[in-house]
Amino acid sequence: MQYKTTQVVLKEKFIGHDARNLQELDNVLNAWAAQGWVLNTMTTTVAGGTGLGGGDRTVFTLVFMHQ
């Protein structure tokens, strides 16, 4: 069994929510699945933005496995 780890960083706008960011996460998940990898674990970390116009950053750590 093999494991592969990757991270996806999504940034939200300061004002409002940009749901289109989730498309990037979907693209990564679907790309690995197309190669036969299965998502085993996913964790998230949120960091507050700094400066004018800075939104929160959500870091997704994805662990995939392949048999």
C-alpha atoms as a PDB file:
ATOM      1  CA  MET A   1       0.000   0.000   0.000  1.00  0.00           C
ATOM      2  CA  GLN A   2       1.277   3.482  -0.862  1.00  0.00           C
ATOM      3  CA  TYR A   3       0.407   6.867   0.642  1.00  0.00           C
ATOM      4  CA  LYS A   4       0.639  10.333  -0.850  1.00  0.00           C
ATOM      5  CA  THR A   5       0.211  13.638   1.016  1.00  0.00           C
ATOM      6  CA  THR A   6      -0.670  16.979  -0.549  1.00  0.00           C
ATOM      7  CA  GLN A   7      -1.930  20.364   0.621  1.00  0.00           C
ATOM      8  CA  VAL A   8      -4.451  22.746  -0.896  1.00  0.00           C
ATOM      9  CA  VAL A   9      -4.629  26.349   0.356  1.00  0.00           C
ATOM     10  CA  LEU A  10      -7.884  28.225  -0.169  1.00  0.00           C
ATOM     11  CA  LYS A  11      -8.219  31.928   0.550  1.00  0.00           C
ATOM     12  CA  GLU A  12     -11.531  33.593   1.343  1.00  0.00           C
ATOM     13  CA  LYS A  13     -12.273  37.186   0.503  1.00  0.00           C
ATOM     14  CA  PHE A  14     -12.265  39.706   3.328  1.00  0.00           C
ATOM     15  CA  ILE A  15     -15.903  40.548   2.580  1.00  0.00           C
ATOM     16  CA  GLY A  16     -18.232  37.714   1.697  1.00  0.00           C
ATOM     17  CA  HIS A  17     -17.547  34.086   0.933  1.00  0.00           C
ATOM     18  CA  ASP A  18     -16.045  32.879  -2.323  1.00  0.00           C
ATOM     19  CA  ALA A  19     -17.468  29.384  -2.816  1.00  0.00           C
ATOM     20  CA  ARG A  20     -15.615  29.117  -6.126  1.00  0.00           C
ATOM     21  CA  ASN A  21     -12.508  28.363  -4.065  1.00  0.00           C
ATOM     22  CA  LEU A  22     -13.996  24.948  -3.356  1.00  0.00           C
ATOM     23  CA  GLN A  23     -13.664  24.136  -7.062  1.00  0.00           C
ATOM     24  CA  GLU A  24      -9.887  24.004  -6.585  1.00  0.00           C
ATOM     25  CA  LEU A  25     -10.299  21.435  -3.810  1.00  0.00           C
ATOM     26  CA  ASP A  26     -12.703  19.420  -5.986  1.00  0.00           C
ATOM     27  CA  ASN A  27     -10.199  19.471  -8.848  1.00  0.00           C
ATOM     28  CA  VAL A  28      -7.405  18.094  -6.671  1.00  0.00           C
ATOM     29  CA  LEU A  29      -9.616  15.357  -5.194  1.00  0.00           C
ATOM     30  CA  ASN A  30     -10.917  14.309  -8.623  1.00  0.00           C
ATOM     31  CA  ALA A  31      -7.458  14.323 -10.208  1.00  0.00           C
ATOM     32  CA  TRP A  32      -6.081  11.913  -7.581  1.00  0.00           C
ATOM     33  CA  ALA A  33      -9.214   9.733  -7.756  1.00  0.00           C
ATOM     34  CA  ALA A  34      -8.846   9.458 -11.539  1.00  0.00           C
ATOM     35  CA  GLN A  35      -5.399   7.936 -10.949  1.00  0.00           C
ATOM     36  CA  GLY A  36      -6.812   5.317  -8.573  1.00  0.00           C
ATOM     37  CA  TRP A  37      -5.929   7.053  -5.282  1.00  0.00           C
ATOM     38  CA  VAL A  38      -8.489   7.041  -2.440  1.00  0.00           C
ATOM     39  CA  LEU A  39      -8.771   9.829   0.134  1.00  0.00           C
ATOM     40  CA  ASN A  40      -7.790   8.356   3.494  1.00  0.00           C
ATOM     41  CA  THR A  41      -7.589  11.419   5.760  1.00  0.00           C
ATOM     42  CA  MET A  42      -8.292  15.138   5.483  1.00  0.00           C
ATOM     43  CA  THR A  43      -7.466  17.802   8.060  1.00  0.00           C
ATOM     44  CA  THR A  44      -7.950  21.553   7.970  1.00  0.00           C
ATOM     45  CA  THR A  45      -6.187  24.487   9.553  1.00  0.00           C
ATOM     46  CA  VAL A  46      -7.500  28.059   9.390  1.00  0.00           C
ATOM     47  CA  ALA A  47      -5.196  31.055   9.583  1.00  0.00           C
ATOM     48  CA  GLY A  48      -6.551  34.588   9.801  1.00  0.00           C
ATOM     49  CA  GLY A  49      -5.565  36.995   7.060  1.00  0.00           C
ATOM     50  CA  THR A  50      -3.472  40.052   7.730  1.00  0.00           C
ATOM     51  CA  GLY A  51      -3.451  43.462   6.135  1.00  0.00           C
ATOM     52  CA  LEU A  52      -6.111  45.310   4.181  1.00  0.00           C
ATOM     53  CA  GLY A  53      -8.358  42.995   2.216  1.00  0.00           C
ATOM     54  CA  GLY A  54      -6.809  39.871   3.695  1.00  0.00           C
ATOM     55  CA  GLY A  55      -9.194  37.003   4.207  1.00  0.00           C
ATOM     56  CA  ASP A  56      -8.829  33.727   6.048  1.00  0.00           C
ATOM     57  CA  ARG A  57      -6.699  30.970   4.579  1.00  0.00           C
ATOM     58  CA  THR A  58      -7.826  27.386   4.971  1.00  0.00           C
ATOM     59  CA  VAL A  59      -5.133  24.758   4.517  1.00  0.00           C
ATOM     60  CA  PHE A  60      -6.405  21.287   3.640  1.00  0.00           C
ATOM     61  CA  THR A  61      -3.923  18.460   4.208  1.00  0.00           C
ATOM     62  CA  LEU A  62      -5.011  15.434   2.193  1.00  0.00           C
ATOM     63  CA  VAL A  63      -3.655  11.909   2.599  1.00  0.00           C
ATOM     64  CA  PHE A  64      -4.434   9.514  -0.226  1.00  0.00           C
ATOM     65  CA  MET A  65      -3.792   5.790  -0.378  1.00  0.00           C
ATOM     66  CA  HIS A  66      -3.329   3.438  -3.311  1.00  0.00           C
ATOM     67  CA  GLN A  67      -3.293  -0.346  -3.250  1.00  0.00           C
END
